[in-house]
Amino acid sequence: MHISAQTYLRKQSMQNRTFSVRLKKDPDSGWYAIRCVELPEAISQGRTEEEALTNIKEAIELVLEEHETQARREGGRLTEISV
């Protein structure tokens, strides 16, 4: 898989972030539903717990990228803070 330098750098900076996720197995289908507590827009699923966790990581990355894109469109200066 080939990724751009910008995407690579963004992923490198996101490696230190930690998020809480809620994982729940559907008793009827057996699939796992998963969502990020801090980013309600980040939701996913998987046949296994491992697949659901992999999928939510991608969903979180996509939501964060969209938030960054929207913030850049709105203008102003973007800066990072630690909490």
C-alpha atoms as a PDB file:
ATOM      1  CA  MET A   1       0.000   0.000   0.000  1.00  0.00           C
ATOM      2  CA  HIS A   2       1.365   3.421  -0.964  1.00  0.00           C
ATOM      3  CA  ILE A   3       0.587   6.460   1.180  1.00  0.00           C
ATOM      4  CA  SER A   4       1.545  10.079   0.708  1.00  0.00           C
ATOM      5  CA  ALA A   5       4.185  11.736   2.858  1.00  0.00           C
ATOM      6  CA  GLN A   6       1.497  13.956   4.427  1.00  0.00           C
ATOM      7  CA  THR A   7      -0.609  10.920   5.381  1.00  0.00           C
ATOM      8  CA  TYR A   8       2.462   9.171   6.776  1.00  0.00           C
ATOM      9  CA  LEU A   9       3.387  12.166   8.940  1.00  0.00           C
ATOM     10  CA  ARG A  10      -0.199  12.507  10.184  1.00  0.00           C
ATOM     11  CA  LYS A  11      -0.290   8.825  11.132  1.00  0.00           C
ATOM     12  CA  GLN A  12       3.043   9.190  12.929  1.00  0.00           C
ATOM     13  CA  SER A  13       1.692  12.076  15.035  1.00  0.00           C
ATOM     14  CA  MET A  14      -1.525  10.148  15.797  1.00  0.00           C
ATOM     15  CA  GLN A  15       0.375   7.135  17.170  1.00  0.00           C
ATOM     16  CA  ASN A  16       0.577   8.705  20.621  1.00  0.00           C
ATOM     17  CA  ARG A  17      -3.139   9.330  20.933  1.00  0.00           C
ATOM     18  CA  THR A  18      -5.300   7.059  23.039  1.00  0.00           C
ATOM     19  CA  PHE A  19      -9.062   6.748  22.701  1.00  0.00           C
ATOM     20  CA  SER A  20     -11.732   4.825  24.589  1.00  0.00           C
ATOM     21  CA  VAL A  21     -13.923   2.505  22.550  1.00  0.00           C
ATOM     22  CA  ARG A  22     -17.103   0.654  23.399  1.00  0.00           C
ATOM     23  CA  LEU A  23     -17.233  -2.868  21.983  1.00  0.00           C
ATOM     24  CA  LYS A  24     -20.431  -4.907  22.037  1.00  0.00           C
ATOM     25  CA  LYS A  25     -21.173  -8.297  20.499  1.00  0.00           C
ATOM     26  CA  ASP A  26     -24.584  -8.667  18.871  1.00  0.00           C
ATOM     27  CA  PRO A  27     -26.137 -11.887  20.227  1.00  0.00           C
ATOM     28  CA  ASP A  28     -28.110 -12.518  17.037  1.00  0.00           C
ATOM     29  CA  SER A  29     -25.519 -11.891  14.316  1.00  0.00           C
ATOM     30  CA  GLY A  30     -22.370 -12.549  16.336  1.00  0.00           C
ATOM     31  CA  TRP A  31     -20.793  -9.381  14.902  1.00  0.00           C
ATOM     32  CA  TYR A  32     -19.031  -6.832  17.092  1.00  0.00           C
ATOM     33  CA  ALA A  33     -20.205  -3.210  17.015  1.00  0.00           C
ATOM     34  CA  ILE A  34     -17.656  -0.652  18.130  1.00  0.00           C
ATOM     35  CA  ARG A  35     -17.628   3.114  18.625  1.00  0.00           C
ATOM     36  CA  CYS A  36     -15.198   5.695  19.912  1.00  0.00           C
ATOM     37  CA  VAL A  37     -16.391   7.412  23.086  1.00  0.00           C
ATOM     38  CA  GLU A  38     -14.538  10.671  22.373  1.00  0.00           C
ATOM     39  CA  LEU A  39     -15.457  10.791  18.657  1.00  0.00           C
ATOM     40  CA  PRO A  40     -19.102   9.692  18.302  1.00  0.00           C
ATOM     41  CA  GLU A  41     -18.806   9.879  14.505  1.00  0.00           C
ATOM     42  CA  ALA A  42     -16.250   7.034  14.583  1.00  0.00           C
ATOM     43  CA  ILE A  43     -18.223   3.806  14.476  1.00  0.00           C
ATOM     44  CA  SER A  44     -17.473   0.448  12.917  1.00  0.00           C
ATOM     45  CA  GLN A  45     -17.979  -3.282  13.199  1.00  0.00           C
ATOM     46  CA  GLY A  46     -16.234  -6.591  12.635  1.00  0.00           C
ATOM     47  CA  ARG A  47     -16.834 -10.304  12.563  1.00  0.00           C
ATOM     48  CA  THR A  48     -14.307 -10.713  15.344  1.00  0.00           C
ATOM     49  CA  GLU A  49     -13.180  -8.472  18.205  1.00  0.00           C
ATOM     50  CA  GLU A  50      -9.785  -8.110  16.517  1.00  0.00           C
ATOM     51  CA  GLU A  51     -11.351  -7.090  13.196  1.00  0.00           C
ATOM     52  CA  ALA A  52     -13.629  -4.562  14.928  1.00  0.00           C
ATOM     53  CA  LEU A  53     -10.638  -3.021  16.737  1.00  0.00           C
ATOM     54  CA  THR A  54      -8.689  -2.765  13.481  1.00  0.00           C
ATOM     55  CA  ASN A  55     -11.680  -1.190  11.750  1.00  0.00           C
ATOM     56  CA  ILE A  56     -12.292   1.397  14.477  1.00  0.00           C
ATOM     57  CA  LYS A  57      -8.681   2.567  14.244  1.00  0.00           C
ATOM     58  CA  GLU A  58      -9.247   3.356  10.578  1.00  0.00           C
ATOM     59  CA  ALA A  59     -12.571   5.057  11.359  1.00  0.00           C
ATOM     60  CA  ILE A  60     -10.917   7.236  14.017  1.00  0.00           C
ATOM     61  CA  GLU A  61      -8.159   8.240  11.586  1.00  0.00           C
ATOM     62  CA  LEU A  62     -10.733   9.189   8.955  1.00  0.00           C
ATOM     63  CA  VAL A  63     -12.797  11.258  11.419  1.00  0.00           C
ATOM     64  CA  LEU A  64      -9.694  13.085  12.644  1.00  0.00           C
ATOM     65  CA  GLU A  65      -8.606  13.792   9.066  1.00  0.00           C
ATOM     66  CA  GLU A  66     -12.060  15.189   8.279  1.00  0.00           C
ATOM     67  CA  HIS A  67     -12.009  17.364  11.411  1.00  0.00           C
ATOM     68  CA  GLU A  68      -8.603  18.722  10.393  1.00  0.00           C
ATOM     69  CA  THR A  69      -9.767  19.385   6.833  1.00  0.00           C
ATOM     70  CA  GLN A  70     -12.862  21.212   8.084  1.00  0.00           C
ATOM     71  CA  ALA A  71     -10.799  23.304  10.509  1.00  0.00           C
ATOM     72  CA  ARG A  72      -8.419  24.315   7.709  1.00  0.00           C
ATOM     73  CA  ARG A  73     -11.369  25.338   5.524  1.00  0.00           C
ATOM     74  CA  GLU A  74     -12.708  27.528   8.333  1.00  0.00           C
ATOM     75  CA  GLY A  75      -9.347  29.297   8.614  1.00  0.00           C
ATOM     76  CA  GLY A  76      -7.349  30.396  11.589  1.00  0.00           C
ATOM     77  CA  ARG A  77      -4.275  28.814  13.062  1.00  0.00           C
ATOM     78  CA  LEU A  78      -4.239  25.147  14.032  1.00  0.00           C
ATOM     79  CA  THR A  79      -2.055  24.133  16.932  1.00  0.00           C
ATOM     80  CA  GLU A  80      -1.746  21.026  19.096  1.00  0.00           C
ATOM     81  CA  ILE A  81      -2.108  20.903  22.874  1.00  0.00           C
ATOM     82  CA  SER A  82      -1.631  18.158  25.438  1.00  0.00           C
ATOM     83  CA  VAL A  83      -4.271  17.563  28.081  1.00  0.00           C
END
